[in-house]
């Protein structure tokens, strides 16, 4: 991607957000030894909490990049359905894949309706797929793929769009872009707005998926250690993730102060399980998952077996479920090779 045409001024543009969604950490030219390593007082407190937290190791069950008939190109989103199947959307091939009990038990869904598909949620026996290239949400039921919902037309080109359908079937959209008010809206079955919640700026802090956490809608903030909690009546609160630590927090502070051009992506995704939130903590080298309670306080840190530095490592999404007291954790990865990793946590 050519970065020369990207704006280099505040407020941070959507074009630059899209760039840093592809880059974990910082650009080699901007990661230098002369930058301040100071963090905010809140981040310093979180760092001390994280330092004292023991790290549990996940057990790798299987890893899959595809088969002789198909391969993963850009696995972007994951979810577990009510039957325990793991679903993966591949925005590079416009496919949706459903894994069964093992990596060899699967089904591939292809359709002209898909356009850069994102998994948007599950309700009952339905899986919902958002196709931003068509401004449509598709529904998969009994191997049938149909258009279900038209999402709001973007006010202009070049914006970030997220859609989520809750387990109860309520649909939400999040739009972020330059020169208009970013917002989250609840949609009716006809695609019309039931309510709209305008998101607080600055713009660069808002990028992140929508997820359910019980009866609350989560609006994730990939560039800050916090999430927004939106109730279904449109009221909202913010929740800081106390205990979140990252070597990139110093760069977050520098960007907020206007001292550097790009903020680091701290978290690509999160997934909820009962009263816990599992957050992908982006590390340039290995998998790290932070587990937070309802109050946003760190309660566990998870990592892969034999973690080692690999600057090409880039995960994109996480899905979790509990089976007989064991936590299954699925991770989609695009670098160093596109794949899905399936772990278990025997807590």
Protein backbone atom coordinates (compact mmCIF):
# COMPACT_ATOMS: atom_id res chain seq x y z
CA UNK A 1 0.00 0.00 0.00
CA UNK A 2 1.33 3.45 -0.91
CA UNK A 3 1.48 5.53 2.27
CA UNK A 4 2.59 8.75 0.56
CA UNK A 5 -0.98 9.80 -0.22
CA UNK A 6 -2.24 9.24 3.31
CA UNK A 7 -2.92 12.37 5.39
CA UNK A 8 -0.26 13.07 8.01
CA UNK A 9 -2.20 15.47 10.20
CA UNK A 10 -4.67 15.29 13.06
CA UNK A 11 -7.49 14.36 13.26
CA UNK A 12 -6.46 10.87 12.23
CA UNK A 13 -8.11 9.88 8.94
CA UNK A 14 -9.94 6.70 8.06
CA UNK A 15 -7.34 6.04 5.38
CA UNK A 16 -4.62 5.95 8.02
CA UNK A 17 -6.77 3.76 10.29
CA UNK A 18 -7.12 1.28 7.45
CA UNK A 19 -3.37 1.27 7.00
CA UNK A 20 -2.64 0.60 10.64
CA UNK A 21 -5.22 -2.18 10.72
CA UNK A 22 -2.77 -3.99 8.44
CA UNK A 23 0.28 -3.13 10.53
CA UNK A 24 0.71 -4.44 14.06
CA UNK A 25 2.95 -2.25 16.16
CA UNK A 26 4.79 0.51 14.30
CA UNK A 27 6.53 1.15 11.04
CA UNK A 28 10.24 0.30 11.05
CA UNK A 29 11.13 3.90 10.18
CA UNK A 30 9.24 5.25 13.18
CA UNK A 31 10.26 2.65 15.77
CA UNK A 32 13.46 4.20 17.03
CA UNK A 33 15.36 4.39 20.25
CA UNK A 34 14.91 8.14 20.67
CA UNK A 35 11.15 7.98 21.32
CA UNK A 36 9.93 8.45 24.85
CA UNK A 37 8.89 5.26 26.62
CA UNK A 38 6.76 7.13 29.15
CA UNK A 39 3.12 6.07 29.58
CA UNK A 40 0.14 7.70 31.26
CA UNK A 41 -0.49 7.18 34.97
CA UNK A 42 -3.49 4.95 34.20
CA UNK A 43 -1.38 2.83 31.85
CA UNK A 44 1.36 2.65 34.47
CA UNK A 45 -1.15 1.27 36.98
CA UNK A 46 -2.36 -1.26 34.42
CA UNK A 47 1.21 -2.30 33.70
CA UNK A 48 1.88 -3.05 37.36
CA UNK A 49 -1.27 -5.21 37.51
CA UNK A 50 -0.32 -7.11 34.34
CA UNK A 51 3.25 -7.67 35.55
CA UNK A 52 1.98 -9.50 38.61
CA UNK A 53 -0.46 -11.70 36.67
CA UNK A 54 0.63 -15.31 36.01
CA UNK A 55 0.49 -16.43 32.37
CA UNK A 56 -1.42 -19.59 31.41
CA UNK A 57 -0.49 -21.57 28.31
CA UNK A 58 -3.15 -22.62 25.83
CA UNK A 59 -3.06 -26.14 24.37
CA UNK A 60 -3.06 -26.18 20.55
CA UNK A 61 -5.64 -28.70 19.30
CA UNK A 62 -5.38 -28.07 15.56
CA UNK A 63 -4.36 -25.51 12.98
CA UNK A 64 -5.72 -25.26 9.44
CA UNK A 65 -4.82 -23.26 6.34
CA UNK A 66 -7.32 -25.08 4.13
CA UNK A 67 -7.32 -28.27 2.09
CA UNK A 68 -6.53 -29.55 -1.41
CA UNK A 69 -9.84 -28.08 -2.62
CA UNK A 70 -9.58 -24.63 -1.01
CA UNK A 71 -7.18 -22.45 0.95
CA UNK A 72 -7.53 -19.52 3.30
CA UNK A 73 -6.38 -16.20 1.90
CA UNK A 74 -7.46 -13.57 4.47
CA UNK A 75 -9.44 -15.13 7.36
CA UNK A 76 -11.03 -12.04 8.88
CA UNK A 77 -13.76 -13.01 11.37
CA UNK A 78 -14.76 -15.98 13.54
CA UNK A 79 -17.71 -17.16 15.60
CA UNK A 80 -19.06 -20.26 17.32
CA UNK A 81 -22.71 -21.07 16.62
CA UNK A 82 -25.21 -22.63 19.01
CA UNK A 83 -24.31 -26.11 17.75
CA UNK A 84 -20.62 -25.67 18.49
CA UNK A 85 -19.49 -25.23 14.89
CA UNK A 86 -16.71 -22.76 14.24
CA UNK A 87 -17.40 -20.34 11.36
CA UNK A 88 -14.71 -18.41 9.50
CA UNK A 89 -15.13 -15.67 6.91
CA UNK A 90 -12.39 -15.20 4.34
CA UNK A 91 -12.51 -11.72 2.83
CA UNK A 92 -9.77 -12.61 0.35
CA UNK A 93 -11.76 -15.35 -1.38
CA UNK A 94 -15.35 -14.25 -0.53
CA UNK A 95 -15.95 -17.57 1.21
CA UNK A 96 -17.49 -18.59 4.53
CA UNK A 97 -16.27 -21.86 6.06
CA UNK A 98 -17.87 -23.94 8.79
CA UNK A 99 -15.65 -26.29 10.77
CA UNK A 100 -17.12 -29.27 12.60
CA UNK A 101 -15.59 -31.36 15.35
CA UNK A 102 -12.15 -31.34 13.68
CA UNK A 103 -10.33 -29.30 11.08
CA UNK A 104 -11.15 -32.00 8.50
CA UNK A 105 -14.89 -31.79 9.11
CA UNK A 106 -16.03 -28.69 7.27
CA UNK A 107 -18.30 -27.10 4.71
CA UNK A 108 -17.48 -24.21 2.37
CA UNK A 109 -20.15 -21.64 1.48
CA UNK A 110 -19.75 -19.57 -1.69
CA UNK A 111 -22.23 -17.09 -3.13
CA UNK A 112 -22.39 -14.13 -5.49
CA UNK A 113 -24.10 -12.34 -2.60
CA UNK A 114 -20.87 -12.27 -0.60
CA UNK A 115 -18.56 -9.27 -0.99
CA UNK A 116 -15.63 -9.11 1.46
CA UNK A 117 -17.75 -11.09 3.95
CA UNK A 118 -17.61 -10.42 7.70
CA UNK A 119 -19.38 -12.71 10.14
CA UNK A 120 -21.95 -10.46 11.83
CA UNK A 121 -23.48 -12.80 14.41
CA UNK A 122 -25.67 -15.82 15.04
CA UNK A 123 -29.23 -16.24 16.26
CA UNK A 124 -30.91 -19.61 16.64
CA UNK A 125 -30.00 -21.66 13.57
CA UNK A 126 -29.10 -18.56 11.52
CA UNK A 127 -25.66 -17.20 10.71
CA UNK A 128 -25.42 -13.58 9.57
CA UNK A 129 -22.79 -12.28 7.15
CA UNK A 130 -22.15 -8.61 6.41
CA UNK A 131 -20.98 -7.82 2.87
CA UNK A 132 -19.75 -4.21 2.93
CA UNK A 133 -19.16 -4.29 -0.82
CA UNK A 134 -22.94 -4.66 -1.34
CA UNK A 135 -24.25 -2.89 1.79
CA UNK A 136 -26.19 -6.06 2.61
CA UNK A 137 -26.44 -8.61 5.42
CA UNK A 138 -26.87 -12.22 4.28
CA UNK A 139 -28.51 -14.99 6.30
CA UNK A 140 -27.34 -18.61 6.14
CA UNK A 141 -29.97 -21.16 7.23
CA UNK A 142 -29.95 -24.85 6.28
CA UNK A 143 -27.33 -24.27 3.58
CA UNK A 144 -29.47 -21.53 2.00
CA UNK A 145 -27.94 -18.05 1.57
CA UNK A 146 -30.31 -15.10 1.19
CA UNK A 147 -30.15 -11.33 1.54
CA UNK A 148 -31.76 -10.33 4.83
CA UNK A 149 -31.05 -6.65 5.46
CA UNK A 150 -29.95 -3.53 3.65
CA UNK A 151 -27.53 -1.47 5.74
CA UNK A 152 -27.40 2.36 5.67
CA UNK A 153 -25.71 3.90 2.64
CA UNK A 154 -22.38 5.43 3.57
CA UNK A 155 -22.47 9.25 3.61
CA UNK A 156 -19.22 9.18 1.62
CA UNK A 157 -16.64 6.76 0.34
CA UNK A 158 -13.71 5.62 2.43
CA UNK A 159 -15.13 4.77 5.83
CA UNK A 160 -15.15 1.94 8.35
CA UNK A 161 -18.33 -0.10 8.67
CA UNK A 162 -19.23 -2.75 11.23
CA UNK A 163 -22.46 -4.72 11.62
CA UNK A 164 -23.55 -7.02 14.42
CA UNK A 165 -26.68 -9.14 14.87
CA UNK A 166 -27.24 -10.19 18.49
CA UNK A 167 -28.32 -13.68 19.62
CA UNK A 168 -31.84 -12.23 20.00
CA UNK A 169 -31.85 -11.03 16.39
CA UNK A 170 -31.36 -7.27 16.91
CA UNK A 171 -29.18 -5.63 14.25
CA UNK A 172 -26.70 -2.80 14.81
CA UNK A 173 -24.41 -0.81 12.51
CA UNK A 174 -21.35 1.31 13.30
CA UNK A 175 -20.05 3.89 10.82
CA UNK A 176 -16.83 5.88 11.19
CA UNK A 177 -15.51 8.36 8.66
CA UNK A 178 -14.07 11.80 8.06
CA UNK A 179 -16.36 14.83 7.92
CA UNK A 180 -19.45 13.29 9.52
CA UNK A 181 -20.52 12.26 13.00
CA UNK A 182 -19.49 8.65 13.74
CA UNK A 183 -22.30 6.64 15.24
CA UNK A 184 -23.80 3.30 16.24
CA UNK A 185 -27.43 2.71 15.25
CA UNK A 186 -29.97 0.02 15.96
CA UNK A 187 -31.74 -1.11 12.79
CA UNK A 188 -35.25 -2.37 12.20
CA UNK A 189 -36.02 -5.30 9.92
CA UNK A 190 -36.42 -2.86 7.01
CA UNK A 191 -32.96 -1.39 7.63
CA UNK A 192 -34.35 1.84 9.05
CA UNK A 193 -32.91 3.34 12.23
CA UNK A 194 -34.65 2.73 15.54
CA UNK A 195 -32.13 4.89 17.40
CA UNK A 196 -28.71 6.41 16.84
CA UNK A 197 -25.91 6.97 19.36
CA UNK A 198 -23.26 9.46 18.26
CA UNK A 199 -19.77 8.32 19.27
CA UNK A 200 -17.37 10.60 21.09
CA UNK A 201 -14.33 11.71 19.14
CA UNK A 202 -11.38 11.71 18.49
CA UNK A 203 -12.02 9.70 15.38
CA UNK A 204 -8.90 7.53 15.56
CA UNK A 205 -9.99 5.92 18.83
CA UNK A 206 -13.22 4.48 17.45
CA UNK A 207 -12.14 1.72 15.05
CA UNK A 208 -13.28 -1.70 16.29
CA UNK A 209 -15.92 -4.38 15.83
CA UNK A 210 -19.32 -4.63 17.47
CA UNK A 211 -19.91 -7.61 19.74
CA UNK A 212 -22.51 -8.84 22.24
CA UNK A 213 -21.76 -9.19 25.95
CA UNK A 214 -24.93 -10.58 27.44
CA UNK A 215 -27.63 -7.96 26.90
CA UNK A 216 -25.05 -5.24 26.25
CA UNK A 217 -23.59 -4.22 22.90
CA UNK A 218 -19.81 -3.77 22.89
CA UNK A 219 -18.24 -1.19 20.61
CA UNK A 220 -14.55 -2.06 20.62
CA UNK A 221 -11.74 0.49 20.48
CA UNK A 222 -8.75 -1.05 18.79
CA UNK A 223 -6.42 1.86 19.53
CA UNK A 224 -7.27 2.38 23.20
CA UNK A 225 -7.43 -0.01 26.20
CA UNK A 226 -11.18 0.51 26.59
CA UNK A 227 -14.57 -0.47 25.16
CA UNK A 228 -17.91 1.32 24.85
CA UNK A 229 -20.97 -0.36 26.37
CA UNK A 230 -24.22 0.41 24.58
CA UNK A 231 -27.55 -0.67 25.98
CA UNK A 232 -30.34 -1.54 23.61
CA UNK A 233 -32.17 1.68 24.48
CA UNK A 234 -29.26 3.73 23.08
CA UNK A 235 -27.63 4.82 26.35
CA UNK A 236 -23.89 4.22 26.69
CA UNK A 237 -20.92 4.05 29.06
CA UNK A 238 -17.19 3.48 28.58
CA UNK A 239 -15.23 0.74 30.32
CA UNK A 240 -11.47 1.02 30.71
CA UNK A 241 -9.58 -2.28 30.62
CA UNK A 242 -7.60 -2.06 33.84
CA UNK A 243 -4.56 -4.28 33.59
CA UNK A 244 -4.09 -3.93 29.83
CA UNK A 245 -0.39 -3.69 29.07
CA UNK A 246 1.40 -3.33 25.76
CA UNK A 247 4.87 -2.23 24.67
CA UNK A 248 3.04 0.14 22.32
CA UNK A 249 1.26 2.19 25.01
CA UNK A 250 4.05 4.77 24.91
CA UNK A 251 3.37 5.32 21.21
CA UNK A 252 -0.34 5.71 21.93
CA UNK A 253 0.51 8.54 24.31
CA UNK A 254 2.86 10.11 21.76
CA UNK A 255 0.25 10.00 19.01
CA UNK A 256 -2.43 11.52 21.25
CA UNK A 257 0.03 14.35 21.93
CA UNK A 258 0.63 14.86 18.20
CA UNK A 259 4.28 13.76 18.35
CA UNK A 260 4.08 10.87 15.85
CA UNK A 261 2.03 10.20 12.72
CA UNK A 262 0.36 6.84 13.43
CA UNK A 263 -1.05 5.13 16.51
CA UNK A 264 -0.38 1.43 17.15
CA UNK A 265 -3.19 -1.09 16.96
CA UNK A 266 -3.50 -2.40 20.51
CA UNK A 267 -6.30 -4.93 19.96
CA UNK A 268 -7.80 -6.32 16.76
CA UNK A 269 -10.81 -8.03 18.37
CA UNK A 270 -12.50 -9.37 21.50
CA UNK A 271 -15.05 -12.06 22.32
CA UNK A 272 -17.29 -12.46 25.35
CA UNK A 273 -18.13 -15.54 27.40
CA UNK A 274 -20.64 -15.12 30.22
CA UNK A 275 -19.11 -12.49 32.55
CA UNK A 276 -15.69 -12.52 30.87
CA UNK A 277 -14.23 -10.61 27.94
CA UNK A 278 -11.37 -12.19 25.96
CA UNK A 279 -9.26 -9.50 24.29
CA UNK A 280 -6.61 -10.01 21.60
CA UNK A 281 -3.59 -8.10 22.90
CA UNK A 282 -1.55 -7.40 19.77
CA UNK A 283 2.09 -8.38 20.19
CA UNK A 284 4.64 -8.34 17.34
CA UNK A 285 5.67 -11.93 17.86
CA UNK A 286 3.21 -14.22 19.60
CA UNK A 287 -0.36 -14.76 20.69
CA UNK A 288 -1.53 -13.04 23.86
CA UNK A 289 -5.13 -13.04 25.11
CA UNK A 290 -6.20 -10.97 28.12
CA UNK A 291 -9.29 -12.00 30.10
CA UNK A 292 -11.30 -9.28 31.89
CA UNK A 293 -14.24 -9.38 34.28
CA UNK A 294 -17.43 -7.33 34.02
CA UNK A 295 -15.74 -4.44 35.76
CA UNK A 296 -12.99 -4.37 33.15
CA UNK A 297 -10.25 -5.70 35.47
CA UNK A 298 -7.67 -8.18 34.23
CA UNK A 299 -8.13 -11.67 35.71
CA UNK A 300 -6.05 -13.92 33.42
CA UNK A 301 -3.40 -13.80 30.70
CA UNK A 302 -3.15 -16.54 28.05
CA UNK A 303 -0.47 -17.32 25.51
CA UNK A 304 0.39 -19.95 22.91
CA UNK A 305 2.74 -22.86 23.56
CA UNK A 306 6.43 -21.94 23.17
CA UNK A 307 5.88 -18.25 22.31
CA UNK A 308 8.72 -16.76 20.32
CA UNK A 309 9.35 -13.53 18.49
CA UNK A 310 7.99 -13.41 14.94
CA UNK A 311 7.53 -9.86 13.70
CA UNK A 312 5.22 -11.13 10.93
CA UNK A 313 2.65 -12.56 13.36
CA UNK A 314 -0.75 -10.89 12.88
CA UNK A 315 -4.02 -12.27 14.31
CA UNK A 316 -7.34 -10.78 13.18
CA UNK A 317 -10.13 -12.22 15.35
CA UNK A 318 -10.97 -14.38 18.35
CA UNK A 319 -13.95 -16.58 19.25
CA UNK A 320 -14.49 -18.41 22.55
CA UNK A 321 -16.89 -20.96 24.00
CA UNK A 322 -17.07 -23.20 27.07
CA UNK A 323 -17.57 -26.97 26.89
CA UNK A 324 -17.66 -29.00 30.13
CA UNK A 325 -15.56 -26.50 32.02
CA UNK A 326 -12.93 -26.22 29.27
CA UNK A 327 -12.58 -22.99 27.27
CA UNK A 328 -12.15 -23.32 23.50
CA UNK A 329 -10.31 -20.38 21.93
CA UNK A 330 -10.19 -19.94 18.14
CA UNK A 331 -7.85 -17.42 16.53
CA UNK A 332 -7.71 -16.32 12.88
CA UNK A 333 -4.27 -15.33 11.60
CA UNK A 334 -3.19 -13.69 8.32
CA UNK A 335 0.59 -13.56 8.87
CA UNK A 336 2.98 -15.32 8.53
CA UNK A 337 0.47 -17.59 6.76
CA UNK A 338 -3.34 -17.41 6.64
CA UNK A 339 -4.78 -19.97 9.03
CA UNK A 340 -7.13 -20.71 11.92
CA UNK A 341 -5.68 -21.96 15.21
CA UNK A 342 -7.89 -23.85 17.66
CA UNK A 343 -6.76 -23.88 21.31
CA UNK A 344 -8.08 -25.16 24.62
CA UNK A 345 -7.66 -23.57 28.03
CA UNK A 346 -7.83 -26.00 30.95
CA UNK A 347 -8.25 -23.38 33.66
